[in-house]
Amino acid sequence: MSLPLAYLLLAIAIASEVIATTALSLSNGLTRTGPIVVSAIGYAVALGLLAVVMRVMPTGVVYAIWSGLGVVLIALVAWLWQGQRLDPPALIGMGLIVAGVLVVNLFSGAVSH
């Protein structure tokens, strides 16, 4: 598998995890069937794609990208569609997470493993 394809699959895994986590927050403590099903499918897709991506990229790099961007995207979804508040320290912290992901991808030799 090529590195560009691995990044595409990783992006899909991140999107699946964001959808799953958002659905989980809408499940009302696992009492609503629809969000539970969406969440389970989303997590299954995310983990399956992560396993595939880890065949060509180092585990630590994959997990850093997945978890870092996932946290930021989930926070943005919660802010935009669920009315959750993000204060300046939260925004700064998320900016630092994105900066860290960029540093790993742009400057680390570990990505081209």
C-alpha atoms as a PDB file:
ATOM      1  CA  MET A   1       0.000   0.000   0.000  1.00  0.00           C
ATOM      2  CA  SER A   2       1.298   3.446  -0.846  1.00  0.00           C
ATOM      3  CA  LEU A   3       1.786   6.150   1.780  1.00  0.00           C
ATOM      4  CA  PRO A   4      -0.848   8.441   0.175  1.00  0.00           C
ATOM      5  CA  LEU A   5      -3.393   5.610   0.360  1.00  0.00           C
ATOM      6  CA  ALA A   6      -2.434   5.001   3.995  1.00  0.00           C
ATOM      7  CA  TYR A   7      -3.091   8.669   4.764  1.00  0.00           C
ATOM      8  CA  LEU A   8      -6.458   8.487   2.997  1.00  0.00           C
ATOM      9  CA  LEU A   9      -7.451   5.425   5.030  1.00  0.00           C
ATOM     10  CA  LEU A  10      -6.232   7.137   8.188  1.00  0.00           C
ATOM     11  CA  ALA A  11      -8.394  10.182   7.372  1.00  0.00           C
ATOM     12  CA  ILE A  12     -11.409   7.890   6.919  1.00  0.00           C
ATOM     13  CA  ALA A  13     -10.580   6.186  10.245  1.00  0.00           C
ATOM     14  CA  ILE A  14     -10.448   9.575  11.968  1.00  0.00           C
ATOM     15  CA  ALA A  15     -13.768  10.629  10.430  1.00  0.00           C
ATOM     16  CA  SER A  16     -15.333   7.311  11.497  1.00  0.00           C
ATOM     17  CA  GLU A  17     -14.098   7.775  15.045  1.00  0.00           C
ATOM     18  CA  VAL A  18     -15.430  11.341  15.182  1.00  0.00           C
ATOM     19  CA  ILE A  19     -18.832  10.161  13.955  1.00  0.00           C
ATOM     20  CA  ALA A  20     -18.811   7.275  16.450  1.00  0.00           C
ATOM     21  CA  THR A  21     -17.895   9.480  19.392  1.00  0.00           C
ATOM     22  CA  THR A  22     -20.477  12.083  18.435  1.00  0.00           C
ATOM     23  CA  ALA A  23     -23.118   9.356  18.212  1.00  0.00           C
ATOM     24  CA  LEU A  24     -22.001   8.018  21.585  1.00  0.00           C
ATOM     25  CA  SER A  25     -22.599  11.430  23.133  1.00  0.00           C
ATOM     26  CA  LEU A  26     -26.102  11.403  21.615  1.00  0.00           C
ATOM     27  CA  SER A  27     -26.906   7.916  22.933  1.00  0.00           C
ATOM     28  CA  ASN A  28     -28.067   9.280  26.299  1.00  0.00           C
ATOM     29  CA  GLY A  29     -25.956   6.887  28.338  1.00  0.00           C
ATOM     30  CA  LEU A  30     -26.406   4.002  25.886  1.00  0.00           C
ATOM     31  CA  THR A  31     -30.214   4.211  26.071  1.00  0.00           C
ATOM     32  CA  ARG A  32     -30.913   5.201  22.430  1.00  0.00           C
ATOM     33  CA  THR A  33     -30.524   2.389  19.905  1.00  0.00           C
ATOM     34  CA  GLY A  34     -29.795   4.456  16.778  1.00  0.00           C
ATOM     35  CA  PRO A  35     -26.782   6.306  18.155  1.00  0.00           C
ATOM     36  CA  ILE A  36     -25.487   3.097  19.760  1.00  0.00           C
ATOM     37  CA  VAL A  37     -25.528   1.312  16.379  1.00  0.00           C
ATOM     38  CA  VAL A  38     -23.862   4.267  14.613  1.00  0.00           C
ATOM     39  CA  SER A  39     -21.244   4.403  17.342  1.00  0.00           C
ATOM     40  CA  ALA A  40     -20.461   0.675  17.180  1.00  0.00           C
ATOM     41  CA  ILE A  41     -20.162   0.707  13.395  1.00  0.00           C
ATOM     42  CA  GLY A  42     -18.043   3.864  13.437  1.00  0.00           C
ATOM     43  CA  TYR A  43     -15.612   2.467  15.982  1.00  0.00           C
ATOM     44  CA  ALA A  44     -15.382  -0.853  14.119  1.00  0.00           C
ATOM     45  CA  VAL A  45     -14.576   0.932  10.852  1.00  0.00           C
ATOM     46  CA  ALA A  46     -12.036   3.194  12.573  1.00  0.00           C
ATOM     47  CA  LEU A  47     -10.203   0.348  14.298  1.00  0.00           C
ATOM     48  CA  GLY A  48     -10.245  -1.837  11.196  1.00  0.00           C
ATOM     49  CA  LEU A  49      -8.736   0.931   9.084  1.00  0.00           C
ATOM     50  CA  LEU A  50      -6.154   1.700  11.777  1.00  0.00           C
ATOM     51  CA  ALA A  51      -5.019  -1.907  11.667  1.00  0.00           C
ATOM     52  CA  VAL A  52      -4.574  -1.690   7.889  1.00  0.00           C
ATOM     53  CA  VAL A  53      -2.694   1.623   8.070  1.00  0.00           C
ATOM     54  CA  MET A  54      -0.342   0.235  10.730  1.00  0.00           C
ATOM     55  CA  ARG A  55       0.955  -2.260   8.175  1.00  0.00           C
ATOM     56  CA  VAL A  56       2.776   0.590   6.400  1.00  0.00           C
ATOM     57  CA  MET A  57       3.141   3.316   9.043  1.00  0.00           C
ATOM     58  CA  PRO A  58       4.603   3.099  12.552  1.00  0.00           C
ATOM     59  CA  THR A  59       2.058   2.523  15.310  1.00  0.00           C
ATOM     60  CA  GLY A  60       3.146   5.532  17.361  1.00  0.00           C
ATOM     61  CA  VAL A  61       2.827   7.901  14.419  1.00  0.00           C
ATOM     62  CA  VAL A  62      -0.559   6.505  13.370  1.00  0.00           C
ATOM     63  CA  TYR A  63      -1.908   6.737  16.894  1.00  0.00           C
ATOM     64  CA  ALA A  64      -0.554  10.264  17.419  1.00  0.00           C
ATOM     65  CA  ILE A  65      -2.266  11.481  14.253  1.00  0.00           C
ATOM     66  CA  TRP A  66      -5.498   9.575  14.914  1.00  0.00           C
ATOM     67  CA  SER A  67      -5.889  10.589  18.524  1.00  0.00           C
ATOM     68  CA  GLY A  68      -4.651  14.161  18.090  1.00  0.00           C
ATOM     69  CA  LEU A  69      -6.825  15.077  15.146  1.00  0.00           C
ATOM     70  CA  GLY A  70      -9.718  13.073  16.572  1.00  0.00           C
ATOM     71  CA  VAL A  71      -9.691  15.107  19.788  1.00  0.00           C
ATOM     72  CA  VAL A  72      -9.645  18.391  17.895  1.00  0.00           C
ATOM     73  CA  LEU A  73     -12.367  17.372  15.439  1.00  0.00           C
ATOM     74  CA  ILE A  74     -14.641  15.965  18.154  1.00  0.00           C
ATOM     75  CA  ALA A  75     -14.276  19.192  20.145  1.00  0.00           C
ATOM     76  CA  LEU A  76     -15.105  21.234  17.028  1.00  0.00           C
ATOM     77  CA  VAL A  77     -18.176  19.100  16.258  1.00  0.00           C
ATOM     78  CA  ALA A  78     -19.370  19.458  19.853  1.00  0.00           C
ATOM     79  CA  TRP A  79     -18.834  23.221  19.651  1.00  0.00           C
ATOM     80  CA  LEU A  80     -20.515  23.716  16.269  1.00  0.00           C
ATOM     81  CA  TRP A  81     -23.452  21.307  16.551  1.00  0.00           C
ATOM     82  CA  GLN A  82     -23.944  20.635  20.242  1.00  0.00           C
ATOM     83  CA  GLY A  83     -23.348  24.110  21.631  1.00  0.00           C
ATOM     84  CA  GLN A  84     -20.445  23.119  23.856  1.00  0.00           C
ATOM     85  CA  ARG A  85     -18.205  25.980  24.877  1.00  0.00           C
ATOM     86  CA  LEU A  86     -14.520  26.186  23.958  1.00  0.00           C
ATOM     87  CA  ASP A  87     -12.600  28.775  25.939  1.00  0.00           C
ATOM     88  CA  PRO A  88      -9.247  30.294  24.885  1.00  0.00           C
ATOM     89  CA  PRO A  89      -7.116  27.726  26.781  1.00  0.00           C
ATOM     90  CA  ALA A  90      -9.011  24.885  25.053  1.00  0.00           C
ATOM     91  CA  LEU A  91      -8.484  26.507  21.660  1.00  0.00           C
ATOM     92  CA  ILE A  92      -4.782  27.060  22.376  1.00  0.00           C
ATOM     93  CA  GLY A  93      -4.384  23.458  23.500  1.00  0.00           C
ATOM     94  CA  MET A  94      -6.063  22.167  20.357  1.00  0.00           C
ATOM     95  CA  GLY A  95      -3.814  24.407  18.283  1.00  0.00           C
ATOM     96  CA  LEU A  96      -0.812  22.829  19.989  1.00  0.00           C
ATOM     97  CA  ILE A  97      -2.163  19.357  19.210  1.00  0.00           C
ATOM     98  CA  VAL A  98      -2.514  20.245  15.531  1.00  0.00           C
ATOM     99  CA  ALA A  99       0.994  21.742  15.577  1.00  0.00           C
ATOM    100  CA  GLY A 100       2.323  18.503  17.048  1.00  0.00           C
ATOM    101  CA  VAL A 101       0.642  16.419  14.353  1.00  0.00           C
ATOM    102  CA  LEU A 102       2.136  18.715  11.699  1.00  0.00           C
ATOM    103  CA  VAL A 103       5.618  18.421  13.212  1.00  0.00           C
ATOM    104  CA  VAL A 104       5.393  14.634  13.215  1.00  0.00           C
ATOM    105  CA  ASN A 105       4.208  14.541   9.602  1.00  0.00           C
ATOM    106  CA  LEU A 106       6.456  17.207   8.134  1.00  0.00           C
ATOM    107  CA  PHE A 107       9.711  16.713  10.016  1.00  0.00           C
ATOM    108  CA  SER A 108       9.836  13.175  11.394  1.00  0.00           C
ATOM    109  CA  GLY A 109      11.583  10.483   9.408  1.00  0.00           C
ATOM    110  CA  ALA A 110       9.409   7.919  11.207  1.00  0.00           C
ATOM    111  CA  VAL A 111       6.452   8.584   8.896  1.00  0.00           C
ATOM    112  CA  SER A 112       8.187   7.322   5.770  1.00  0.00           C
ATOM    113  CA  HIS A 113       8.925   4.007   7.536  1.00  0.00           C
END
